[in-house]
Amino acid sequence: MSLLSQNAQKRCIEKSGADDGNDEGNCSPVALDGEVGKVAKPKNHNKGRKKKRTKVLEAQQNKEEEEMRQLEGSLFGALYAPLEFGTEVGAAVGAPDKDAPLFFTDRSAADGLDDLPIYEEDSAHDDEEDEVVIKGRTPVWVDEEEERTEVDIVKVARLRKLRKEADEHLISGKEYEARLRGQHAKLNPFTGWADMDQKTPLLAASDGESDDEGGVDDILQNNDELVVKDTVKLLPGMLEFSRLVDANIQDPSSGPINSVQFHRNGQLMLAAGLDKHLRFFQIDGKRNPKIQSIFIGDCPILKASFLPDGSEEKSLESFEISPDSKTIAFVGNEGYVLLISAKTKQLIGTLKMNGSVRSLAFADGGSQLLSSGGDGHVYHWDLGTRKCSTSGIVNVYKRDDFLGGKRKPLKTIENLTTDVGEIKFNHDAQILAITSRKERNGMRLVHVPSFSVFQNWPGPRFSLQCPRCLDFSPGSGFLSVGHAGGKVLLYKLHHYQNA
């Protein structure tokens, strides 16, 4: 009997060791002899140490995760729970619910598009998002010194272009920043894609709507190009310009250039000179390709010009010669009287009557002309001398006062010291160009409202040689100058946007 009881207890000990400490057994491990006690004691001791180590690692990991969540919450806000008023940032951060699903599948969407949403909270949230109004961006940092700082825009030469009035000197720092931004936008107008405040409306056009109707809608949505803006005043002092590729770079002239002129479309320009060639160029400021070249034998070209209406005189049958043998007057079409120089055989002027021209007669030694027409009136014309000043002095008169007999000039310009060769206004009469063929760089650009010469023209880097002719494009965006070297210099005037 003693052997059976000992074996039963031994089996219970082995069974308890195999079950890893299961307490639900009927018999408990009892160390009856030395060998059994030695085997059971290290197994229980290792299990306790392993459990204790596992608990310590889990506690340390949980602590690190909690510290990481608090750090993220303090840096980026509450990521797992909304921050309530009166609570700390770290306290508002809670662990996400591990049992909550990350997403759900709406199986009712396949039944139809008109089904109601499953959760009313989601639909209410969508309605709130539609009502959100995007407000303007507030600056991150405001410099208080800008309001108290004053900038002198006259003292520094390169800041004078920021003036809006001729007598403006000091502006605030905030206004100075605004004008610098405006100047940058003026010189770099192609940065509209970077405007974050620009909102493009989304148009839900139907399938039956044509492209033409969509284009009309786009035009009617804005009035940018439909409103004619007032001309911006040109300030005196400094003129913004840049040198471009020569207008006749693809076919330079072998002699002096005597005539340049832009067509009224602003893209076509003619150049003519003593090499007997008449050349036409398409002006783009980059390549300026040549369109056509016409050679006129035995005829050095002194003057060439586009006829504004594009017509031509096919018959010149009736004419009169002045008593001084200097002028020939021809009867033209549509009430025009053509004045031809008897010496050069070139057109020097035209006169326009209200009716057709019937007869002509010179008076006062050739300085006056009488003409009669089909309207029953006799016209008395003062031909004048048609000569430029030989002293380099240019007088500017007011037209109404000059015709009324008051011959006192508004301004006398004395910046040239040699004979004046050509005088020309630009399209809005804010710039007056004066040239002299007998002086190197003999060209001045005058600011008409203030009657002052632009100080930076033509600049130390550019040489005009001896200018012989000039012309402004119809929109004053380009200025061409022909000189004795056979080149036509092309300049871009940045104040004017159109060619």
Protein backbone atom coordinates (compact mmCIF):
# COMPACT_ATOMS: atom_id res chain seq x y z
CA MET A 1 0.00 0.00 0.00
CA SER A 2 2.82 2.33 0.69
CA LEU A 3 4.23 1.88 -2.82
CA LEU A 4 0.92 2.72 -4.49
CA SER A 5 0.49 5.94 -2.50
CA GLN A 6 3.99 7.09 -3.33
CA ASN A 7 3.51 6.48 -7.06
CA ALA A 8 0.24 8.38 -7.07
CA GLN A 9 1.82 11.40 -5.49
CA LYS A 10 4.71 11.26 -7.96
CA ARG A 11 2.33 11.25 -10.93
CA CYS A 12 0.54 14.24 -9.50
CA ILE A 13 3.85 16.07 -9.22
CA GLU A 14 4.81 15.31 -12.85
CA LYS A 15 1.34 16.24 -14.09
CA SER A 16 1.39 19.56 -12.28
CA GLY A 17 4.80 20.36 -13.81
CA ALA A 18 3.52 19.61 -17.33
CA ASP A 19 0.38 21.76 -16.89
CA ASP A 20 2.46 24.93 -16.09
CA GLY A 21 1.02 25.51 -12.65
CA ASN A 22 -2.64 24.67 -13.22
CA ASP A 23 -4.44 25.07 -9.87
CA GLU A 24 -7.63 23.26 -10.91
CA GLY A 25 -6.14 19.74 -10.41
CA ASN A 26 -7.29 17.46 -7.58
CA CYS A 27 -3.80 16.96 -6.22
CA SER A 28 -1.13 19.50 -5.45
CA PRO A 29 2.60 19.02 -5.95
CA VAL A 30 4.26 17.81 -2.77
CA ALA A 31 7.98 17.18 -2.49
CA LEU A 32 8.22 13.75 -0.82
CA ASP A 33 11.88 13.11 -1.51
CA GLY A 34 14.93 15.21 -2.31
CA GLU A 35 14.94 14.63 -6.05
CA VAL A 36 11.36 15.69 -6.64
CA GLY A 37 11.80 18.89 -4.64
CA LYS A 38 14.83 19.85 -6.61
CA VAL A 39 12.95 19.58 -9.92
CA ALA A 40 9.79 21.50 -8.93
CA LYS A 41 11.42 24.49 -7.26
CA PRO A 42 13.36 26.06 -10.27
CA LYS A 43 10.32 25.73 -12.60
CA ASN A 44 8.06 27.82 -10.36
CA HIS A 45 10.80 30.36 -9.76
CA ASN A 46 11.44 30.95 -13.54
CA LYS A 47 7.75 31.40 -14.23
CA GLY A 48 7.47 34.16 -11.64
CA ARG A 49 10.47 36.03 -12.92
CA LYS A 50 9.19 35.85 -16.55
CA LYS A 51 5.77 37.22 -15.57
CA LYS A 52 7.33 40.01 -13.56
CA ARG A 53 9.65 40.97 -16.43
CA THR A 54 6.70 41.00 -18.87
CA LYS A 55 4.68 43.29 -16.61
CA VAL A 56 7.62 45.70 -16.26
CA LEU A 57 8.12 45.87 -20.05
CA GLU A 58 4.42 46.46 -20.64
CA ALA A 59 4.31 49.23 -18.06
CA GLN A 60 7.40 50.88 -19.56
CA GLN A 61 5.94 50.64 -23.09
CA ASN A 62 2.62 52.13 -21.96
CA LYS A 63 4.46 54.96 -20.24
CA GLU A 64 6.47 55.74 -23.39
CA GLU A 65 3.32 55.73 -25.55
CA GLU A 66 1.59 58.08 -23.11
CA GLU A 67 4.56 60.47 -23.17
CA MET A 68 4.63 60.37 -26.98
CA ARG A 69 0.92 61.21 -27.19
CA GLN A 70 1.35 64.10 -24.77
CA LEU A 71 4.27 65.44 -26.81
CA GLU A 72 2.29 65.21 -30.07
CA GLY A 73 -0.65 66.90 -28.43
CA SER A 74 1.45 69.80 -27.18
CA LEU A 75 3.03 70.28 -30.61
CA PHE A 76 0.18 69.61 -33.05
CA GLY A 77 -2.93 69.85 -30.90
CA ALA A 78 -5.28 67.18 -29.67
CA LEU A 79 -5.07 64.29 -32.12
CA TYR A 80 -7.28 61.80 -30.34
CA ALA A 81 -9.77 63.93 -28.43
CA PRO A 82 -10.99 67.53 -28.79
CA LEU A 83 -9.47 70.00 -26.37
CA GLU A 84 -12.12 71.31 -24.00
CA PHE A 85 -12.04 74.65 -22.28
CA GLY A 86 -10.27 74.54 -18.93
CA THR A 87 -8.28 71.36 -19.57
CA GLU A 88 -4.58 70.96 -20.21
CA VAL A 89 -3.26 69.85 -23.54
CA GLY A 90 -1.79 66.63 -22.17
CA ALA A 91 -4.96 65.81 -20.23
CA ALA A 92 -7.14 66.20 -23.30
CA VAL A 93 -5.20 63.59 -25.23
CA GLY A 94 -6.78 60.19 -24.87
CA ALA A 95 -6.03 56.82 -26.36
CA PRO A 96 -8.20 55.81 -29.29
CA ASP A 97 -10.85 53.20 -28.76
CA LYS A 98 -9.35 49.96 -30.02
CA ASP A 99 -12.76 48.31 -30.31
CA ALA A 100 -14.23 51.09 -32.50
CA PRO A 101 -14.17 50.35 -36.25
CA LEU A 102 -12.01 52.54 -38.45
CA PHE A 103 -14.60 52.61 -41.26
CA PHE A 104 -17.91 51.07 -42.23
CA THR A 105 -19.43 49.94 -45.51
CA ASP A 106 -22.67 51.58 -46.61
CA ARG A 107 -24.45 48.72 -48.37
CA SER A 108 -27.60 50.74 -48.89
CA ALA A 109 -25.89 53.01 -51.48
CA ALA A 110 -26.42 50.43 -54.21
CA ASP A 111 -30.21 50.60 -53.81
CA GLY A 112 -30.43 54.12 -55.24
CA LEU A 113 -28.97 57.61 -55.19
CA ASP A 114 -31.91 59.07 -53.30
CA ASP A 115 -31.44 56.92 -50.17
CA LEU A 116 -30.97 58.76 -46.93
CA PRO A 117 -27.59 58.58 -45.18
CA ILE A 118 -27.19 56.04 -42.41
CA TYR A 119 -25.94 58.50 -39.81
CA GLU A 120 -27.67 61.83 -39.35
CA GLU A 121 -24.57 63.27 -37.72
CA ASP A 122 -22.60 62.81 -40.94
CA SER A 123 -25.19 64.66 -43.02
CA ALA A 124 -25.34 67.51 -40.53
CA HIS A 125 -21.55 67.70 -40.57
CA ASP A 126 -21.55 67.95 -44.39
CA ASP A 127 -24.06 70.80 -44.25
CA GLU A 128 -21.83 72.67 -41.83
CA GLU A 129 -18.85 72.27 -44.14
CA ASP A 130 -20.80 73.78 -47.04
CA GLU A 131 -21.51 76.87 -44.97
CA VAL A 132 -17.89 77.53 -44.07
CA VAL A 133 -16.73 80.91 -45.36
CA ILE A 134 -13.07 81.26 -46.27
CA LYS A 135 -11.73 84.31 -44.53
CA GLY A 136 -8.70 86.38 -45.53
CA ARG A 137 -5.29 85.26 -44.38
CA THR A 138 -3.97 87.11 -41.37
CA PRO A 139 -0.26 87.90 -41.24
CA VAL A 140 1.84 85.78 -38.92
CA TRP A 141 3.95 88.74 -37.82
CA VAL A 142 3.38 92.49 -38.08
CA ASP A 143 6.29 94.93 -37.99
CA GLU A 144 5.24 97.92 -35.90
CA GLU A 145 8.21 99.93 -37.15
CA GLU A 146 6.66 100.17 -40.64
CA GLU A 147 4.08 102.68 -39.44
CA ARG A 148 6.73 104.92 -37.85
CA THR A 149 9.36 104.60 -40.60
CA GLU A 150 9.56 107.20 -43.37
CA VAL A 151 11.38 106.61 -46.66
CA ASP A 152 12.72 109.39 -48.88
CA ILE A 153 12.02 108.23 -52.45
CA VAL A 154 13.68 111.27 -54.02
CA LYS A 155 17.09 110.98 -52.38
CA VAL A 156 17.86 107.63 -54.03
CA ALA A 157 17.73 107.75 -57.84
CA ARG A 158 16.37 104.24 -58.32
CA LEU A 159 13.42 104.93 -55.98
CA ARG A 160 12.13 107.92 -57.91
CA LYS A 161 10.06 105.69 -60.14
CA LEU A 162 7.90 104.87 -57.10
CA ARG A 163 6.54 108.42 -56.97
CA LYS A 164 2.92 109.05 -57.87
CA GLU A 165 3.24 112.83 -57.82
CA ALA A 166 6.13 114.97 -59.03
CA ASP A 167 6.58 116.75 -55.67
CA GLU A 168 6.27 113.64 -53.47
CA HIS A 169 9.22 113.02 -51.14
CA LEU A 170 8.48 111.06 -47.94
CA ILE A 171 6.20 108.04 -47.64
CA SER A 172 5.55 105.62 -44.79
CA GLY A 173 7.18 102.22 -44.58
CA LYS A 174 3.88 100.45 -45.22
CA GLU A 175 3.21 102.54 -48.32
CA TYR A 176 6.80 101.94 -49.45
CA GLU A 177 6.26 98.19 -49.23
CA ALA A 178 2.98 98.44 -51.16
CA ARG A 179 4.61 100.42 -53.96
CA LEU A 180 7.50 97.97 -54.20
CA ARG A 181 5.02 95.14 -54.56
CA GLY A 182 3.15 97.09 -57.22
CA GLN A 183 6.37 97.79 -59.11
CA HIS A 184 7.27 94.10 -59.00
CA ALA A 185 3.83 93.12 -60.28
CA LYS A 186 4.18 95.69 -63.06
CA LEU A 187 7.54 94.35 -64.23
CA ASN A 188 6.53 90.69 -63.77
CA PRO A 189 2.87 90.49 -64.76
CA PHE A 190 2.80 86.72 -65.33
CA THR A 191 2.54 85.47 -61.75
CA GLY A 192 -1.22 85.14 -61.49
CA TRP A 193 -0.89 81.40 -60.89
CA ALA A 194 0.72 82.13 -57.51
CA ASP A 195 -2.20 84.19 -56.22
CA MET A 196 -3.69 82.05 -53.43
CA ASP A 197 -6.66 84.36 -52.90
CA GLN A 198 -7.85 83.98 -56.48
CA LYS A 199 -10.93 81.81 -56.60
CA THR A 200 -11.99 80.07 -59.81
CA PRO A 201 -15.73 79.41 -59.93
CA LEU A 202 -16.74 75.88 -60.77
CA LEU A 203 -19.35 75.89 -63.50
CA ALA A 204 -21.51 72.82 -63.85
CA ALA A 205 -22.30 73.04 -67.55
CA SER A 206 -24.79 70.66 -69.04
CA ASP A 207 -23.87 68.24 -71.79
CA GLY A 208 -25.97 70.09 -74.33
CA GLU A 209 -24.24 73.43 -73.76
CA SER A 210 -21.91 74.38 -76.61
CA ASP A 211 -18.36 75.69 -76.26
CA ASP A 212 -19.41 79.05 -77.72
CA GLU A 213 -21.98 79.57 -74.99
CA GLY A 214 -19.39 78.70 -72.37
CA GLY A 215 -17.01 81.27 -73.85
CA VAL A 216 -19.70 83.96 -73.73
CA ASP A 217 -20.35 83.15 -70.08
CA ASP A 218 -16.64 83.52 -69.31
CA ILE A 219 -16.59 86.97 -70.92
CA LEU A 220 -19.72 88.14 -69.11
CA GLN A 221 -18.36 87.07 -65.72
CA ASN A 222 -15.69 89.79 -65.67
CA ASN A 223 -15.14 93.26 -67.07
CA ASP A 224 -11.35 93.40 -67.06
CA GLU A 225 -10.86 93.83 -70.80
CA LEU A 226 -14.14 95.65 -71.46
CA VAL A 227 -13.45 98.79 -69.44
CA VAL A 228 -11.07 101.37 -70.92
CA LYS A 229 -8.70 102.50 -68.18
CA ASP A 230 -7.26 105.98 -67.92
CA THR A 231 -3.71 106.51 -69.09
CA VAL A 232 -1.21 106.38 -66.24
CA LYS A 233 0.79 109.57 -65.93
CA LEU A 234 4.46 109.37 -66.80
CA LEU A 235 6.70 110.77 -64.08
CA PRO A 236 9.70 112.97 -64.93
CA GLY A 237 13.31 112.29 -64.05
CA MET A 238 13.99 108.66 -64.98
CA LEU A 239 12.58 106.70 -67.91
CA GLU A 240 12.39 102.91 -67.66
CA PHE A 241 13.64 101.35 -70.88
CA SER A 242 15.70 98.41 -72.09
CA ARG A 243 17.73 97.79 -75.22
CA LEU A 244 16.41 94.99 -77.45
CA VAL A 245 17.76 93.26 -80.54
CA ASP A 246 18.27 95.64 -83.47
CA ALA A 247 15.15 95.94 -85.60
CA ASN A 248 17.07 95.29 -88.84
CA ILE A 249 19.51 92.73 -87.46
CA GLN A 250 18.55 90.16 -90.12
CA ASP A 251 19.30 92.57 -92.99
CA PRO A 252 21.36 95.61 -91.94
CA SER A 253 21.71 98.55 -94.28
CA SER A 254 25.01 99.28 -96.00
CA GLY A 255 24.40 103.03 -95.73
CA PRO A 256 22.88 105.55 -93.33
CA ILE A 257 19.24 105.02 -92.32
CA ASN A 258 17.13 108.02 -93.28
CA SER A 259 13.62 106.82 -92.45
CA VAL A 260 11.96 104.42 -90.00
CA GLN A 261 8.25 104.14 -89.27
CA PHE A 262 5.90 101.73 -87.52
CA HIS A 263 2.69 100.60 -89.14
CA ARG A 264 -0.45 101.39 -87.18
CA ASN A 265 -0.83 97.71 -86.20
CA GLY A 266 2.40 98.05 -84.17
CA GLN A 267 4.02 94.88 -85.60
CA LEU A 268 5.30 96.07 -89.00
CA MET A 269 8.15 98.54 -89.44
CA LEU A 270 9.86 99.96 -92.52
CA ALA A 271 13.48 101.08 -92.75
CA ALA A 272 14.97 102.95 -95.71
CA GLY A 273 18.23 104.73 -96.43
CA LEU A 274 20.86 105.74 -98.92
CA ASP A 275 21.54 102.14 -100.03
CA LYS A 276 18.37 102.38 -102.19
CA HIS A 277 16.64 99.56 -100.30
CA LEU A 278 13.23 99.68 -98.63
CA ARG A 279 12.99 96.91 -96.01
CA PHE A 280 10.02 95.70 -93.98
CA PHE A 281 10.43 93.87 -90.65
CA GLN A 282 8.04 92.17 -88.25
CA ILE A 283 8.87 93.54 -84.80
CA ASP A 284 8.64 91.11 -81.88
CA GLY A 285 11.63 92.30 -79.82
CA LYS A 286 13.43 88.92 -80.07
CA ARG A 287 14.13 87.92 -83.70
CA ASN A 288 12.56 90.74 -85.76
CA PRO A 289 12.31 88.68 -88.99
CA LYS A 290 12.52 90.44 -92.35
CA ILE A 291 9.35 90.31 -94.45
CA GLN A 292 10.40 91.96 -97.72
CA SER A 293 13.11 94.10 -99.27
CA ILE A 294 12.56 96.40 -102.28
CA PHE A 295 15.45 97.80 -104.30
CA ILE A 296 14.87 101.11 -106.12
CA GLY A 297 17.67 101.73 -108.60
CA ASP A 298 19.21 105.20 -108.94
CA CYS A 299 17.03 106.50 -106.10
CA PRO A 300 18.63 106.93 -102.66
CA ILE A 301 15.70 107.03 -100.23
CA LEU A 302 15.57 110.12 -98.07
CA LYS A 303 12.05 109.65 -96.70
CA ALA A 304 9.57 106.76 -96.64
CA SER A 305 6.21 106.55 -94.91
CA PHE A 306 3.04 104.48 -94.73
CA LEU A 307 -0.08 106.06 -96.22
CA PRO A 308 -2.70 105.93 -93.43
CA ASP A 309 -5.68 105.03 -95.63
CA GLY A 310 -3.74 102.78 -97.99
CA SER A 311 -4.85 104.60 -101.16
CA GLU A 312 -2.71 105.89 -104.01
CA GLU A 313 -2.88 108.74 -106.51
CA LYS A 314 -3.17 107.17 -109.95
CA SER A 315 -3.38 110.42 -111.93
CA LEU A 316 -1.73 113.83 -111.35
CA GLU A 317 -2.85 115.82 -114.39
CA SER A 318 -3.55 119.31 -113.01
CA PHE A 319 -0.88 121.26 -111.10
CA GLU A 320 0.53 124.74 -110.39
CA ILE A 321 4.14 125.84 -109.82
CA SER A 322 4.99 128.47 -107.22
CA PRO A 323 6.63 131.74 -108.36
CA ASP A 324 9.82 130.93 -106.42
CA SER A 325 10.06 127.53 -108.21
CA LYS A 326 10.26 125.67 -104.91
CA THR A 327 6.84 124.01 -104.71
CA ILE A 328 4.51 122.23 -107.13
CA ALA A 329 0.86 121.88 -106.07
CA PHE A 330 -1.08 118.97 -107.64
CA VAL A 331 -4.85 118.51 -107.69
CA GLY A 332 -5.55 115.23 -105.94
CA ASN A 333 -8.57 113.06 -105.29
CA GLU A 334 -11.19 113.50 -102.56
CA GLY A 335 -10.28 117.13 -101.83
CA TYR A 336 -6.53 116.66 -101.31
CA VAL A 337 -3.87 119.08 -102.55
CA LEU A 338 -0.42 117.49 -102.90
CA LEU A 339 2.63 119.70 -102.31
CA ILE A 340 5.75 118.44 -104.10
CA SER A 341 9.26 119.85 -103.77
CA ALA A 342 10.44 121.05 -107.18
CA LYS A 343 14.02 120.28 -106.24
CA THR A 344 13.78 116.76 -104.80
CA LYS A 345 10.49 115.73 -106.47
CA GLN A 346 9.27 114.40 -103.13
CA LEU A 347 6.00 114.92 -101.29
CA ILE A 348 6.46 117.60 -98.62
CA GLY A 349 2.87 118.06 -97.46
CA THR A 350 -0.85 117.66 -98.14
CA LEU A 351 -3.87 119.97 -97.75
CA LYS A 352 -7.48 118.83 -97.35
CA MET A 353 -10.61 120.61 -98.57
CA ASN A 354 -14.19 119.77 -97.71
CA GLY A 355 -15.13 119.28 -101.36
CA SER A 356 -13.34 118.23 -104.52
CA VAL A 357 -10.44 120.38 -105.83
CA ARG A 358 -11.05 122.27 -109.10
CA SER A 359 -8.30 124.91 -109.42
CA LEU A 360 -5.13 126.18 -107.69
CA ALA A 361 -3.19 129.48 -107.57
CA PHE A 362 -0.13 130.65 -105.62
CA ALA A 363 0.08 134.07 -103.95
CA ASP A 364 2.58 136.21 -102.02
CA GLY A 365 5.60 134.87 -103.85
CA GLY A 366 4.73 131.19 -103.22
CA SER A 367 4.22 131.31 -99.44
CA GLN A 368 0.41 131.20 -99.80
CA LEU A 369 -1.94 129.07 -101.89
CA LEU A 370 -5.53 129.63 -103.07
CA SER A 371 -7.76 126.68 -103.98
CA SER A 372 -11.38 126.41 -105.10
CA GLY A 373 -13.58 123.35 -105.12
CA GLY A 374 -16.94 121.86 -105.85
CA ASP A 375 -18.44 123.16 -102.60
CA GLY A 376 -18.28 126.75 -103.90
CA HIS A 377 -15.66 127.95 -101.40
CA VAL A 378 -12.21 129.46 -101.96
CA TYR A 379 -9.57 128.30 -99.47
CA HIS A 380 -6.60 130.48 -98.48
CA TRP A 381 -3.64 128.42 -97.27
CA ASP A 382 -0.48 129.60 -95.45
CA LEU A 383 2.22 127.16 -96.52
CA GLY A 384 4.87 128.40 -94.06
CA THR A 385 8.58 127.72 -94.25
CA ARG A 386 8.50 124.04 -93.10
CA LYS A 387 12.06 124.27 -91.75
CA CYS A 388 13.57 123.10 -88.45
CA SER A 389 15.71 125.20 -86.16
CA THR A 390 19.42 125.48 -87.01
CA SER A 391 20.50 126.49 -83.51
CA GLY A 392 19.38 123.39 -81.61
CA ILE A 393 16.66 125.32 -79.75
CA VAL A 394 13.11 123.93 -79.75
CA ASN A 395 10.15 126.09 -78.74
CA VAL A 396 6.98 124.42 -77.51
CA TYR A 397 3.73 126.35 -78.01
CA LYS A 398 0.14 125.84 -76.98
CA ARG A 399 -1.82 125.27 -80.17
CA ASP A 400 -4.80 127.52 -79.38
CA ASP A 401 -2.58 130.41 -78.30
CA PHE A 402 -0.33 130.01 -81.34
CA LEU A 403 -3.24 130.10 -83.79
CA GLY A 404 -4.76 133.02 -81.89
CA GLY A 405 -1.68 135.16 -82.44
CA LYS A 406 0.05 134.67 -79.07
CA ARG A 407 3.49 133.46 -80.10
CA LYS A 408 5.02 133.18 -76.64
CA PRO A 409 6.35 129.63 -76.15
CA LEU A 410 5.40 127.54 -73.15
CA LYS A 411 8.94 126.20 -72.91
CA THR A 412 12.23 126.64 -74.73
CA ILE A 413 14.33 123.46 -74.86
CA GLU A 414 18.06 124.13 -75.24
CA ASN A 415 19.56 120.70 -74.61
CA LEU A 416 20.93 120.33 -78.16
CA THR A 417 23.63 122.62 -79.52
CA THR A 418 23.54 121.61 -83.21
CA ASP A 419 20.91 121.61 -85.95
CA VAL A 420 17.66 119.86 -85.07
CA GLY A 421 16.92 117.07 -87.55
CA GLU A 422 13.61 115.59 -86.40
CA ILE A 423 10.96 116.24 -83.75
CA LYS A 424 8.25 113.74 -82.84
CA PHE A 425 5.65 113.22 -80.08
CA ASN A 426 4.54 109.80 -78.91
CA HIS A 427 0.88 108.75 -79.09
CA ASP A 428 -0.27 110.37 -75.79
CA ALA A 429 2.05 113.41 -76.12
CA GLN A 430 3.86 112.70 -72.84
CA ILE A 431 7.24 112.22 -74.55
CA LEU A 432 8.86 114.53 -77.11
CA ALA A 433 11.85 113.16 -79.05
CA ILE A 434 14.41 115.55 -80.57
CA THR A 435 17.35 114.47 -82.75
CA SER A 436 20.37 116.13 -84.34
CA ARG A 437 22.35 114.49 -87.15
CA LYS A 438 25.50 116.52 -86.49
CA GLU A 439 26.08 115.42 -82.90
CA ARG A 440 27.03 112.03 -81.53
CA ASN A 441 24.25 110.71 -79.26
CA GLY A 442 22.37 113.82 -80.35
CA MET A 443 18.95 112.73 -79.17
CA ARG A 444 16.89 113.88 -76.21
CA LEU A 445 13.62 112.62 -74.76
CA VAL A 446 11.57 115.36 -73.08
CA HIS A 447 8.89 114.78 -70.44
CA VAL A 448 6.20 117.07 -71.84
CA PRO A 449 4.07 117.69 -68.68
CA SER A 450 7.11 119.02 -66.79
CA PHE A 451 9.23 120.04 -69.83
CA SER A 452 12.25 118.27 -68.34
CA VAL A 453 14.69 115.97 -70.10
CA PHE A 454 14.94 112.35 -68.97
CA GLN A 455 18.31 112.12 -67.25
CA ASN A 456 19.06 108.45 -67.96
CA TRP A 457 18.60 108.62 -71.74
CA PRO A 458 20.39 107.19 -73.69
CA GLY A 459 22.55 105.88 -70.84
CA PRO A 460 26.32 105.39 -70.58
CA ARG A 461 26.31 101.87 -72.05
CA PHE A 462 24.36 102.65 -75.23
CA SER A 463 25.64 104.68 -78.19
CA LEU A 464 23.25 106.21 -80.71
CA GLN A 465 26.11 107.39 -82.95
CA CYS A 466 24.57 110.14 -85.14
CA PRO A 467 20.78 109.56 -85.14
CA ARG A 468 19.04 110.44 -88.38
CA CYS A 469 15.43 109.29 -87.83
CA LEU A 470 13.15 107.87 -85.16
CA ASP A 471 9.61 106.66 -84.60
CA PHE A 472 7.33 105.51 -81.78
CA SER A 473 5.10 102.48 -82.20
CA PRO A 474 1.32 103.21 -82.10
CA GLY A 475 1.12 102.33 -78.40
CA SER A 476 4.58 103.76 -77.57
CA GLY A 477 5.74 100.34 -76.38
CA PHE A 478 8.67 100.43 -78.84
CA LEU A 479 11.03 103.21 -79.92
CA SER A 480 13.18 102.76 -83.02
CA VAL A 481 16.18 104.96 -83.88
CA GLY A 482 18.07 104.80 -87.18
CA HIS A 483 21.63 106.13 -87.30
CA ALA A 484 24.40 106.71 -89.83
CA GLY A 485 25.93 103.28 -89.19
CA GLY A 486 23.09 101.53 -91.02
CA LYS A 487 21.46 100.03 -87.91
CA VAL A 488 17.98 100.56 -86.51
CA LEU A 489 18.16 100.47 -82.71
CA LEU A 490 15.09 99.14 -80.92
CA TYR A 491 14.11 100.07 -77.35
CA LYS A 492 11.32 98.90 -75.07
CA LEU A 493 9.57 101.60 -72.99
CA HIS A 494 8.29 99.77 -69.90
CA HIS A 495 5.76 102.45 -68.95
CA TYR A 496 3.60 101.49 -71.94
CA GLN A 497 2.18 97.97 -72.07
CA ASN A 498 1.00 97.85 -75.70
CA ALA A 499 3.17 98.03 -78.79
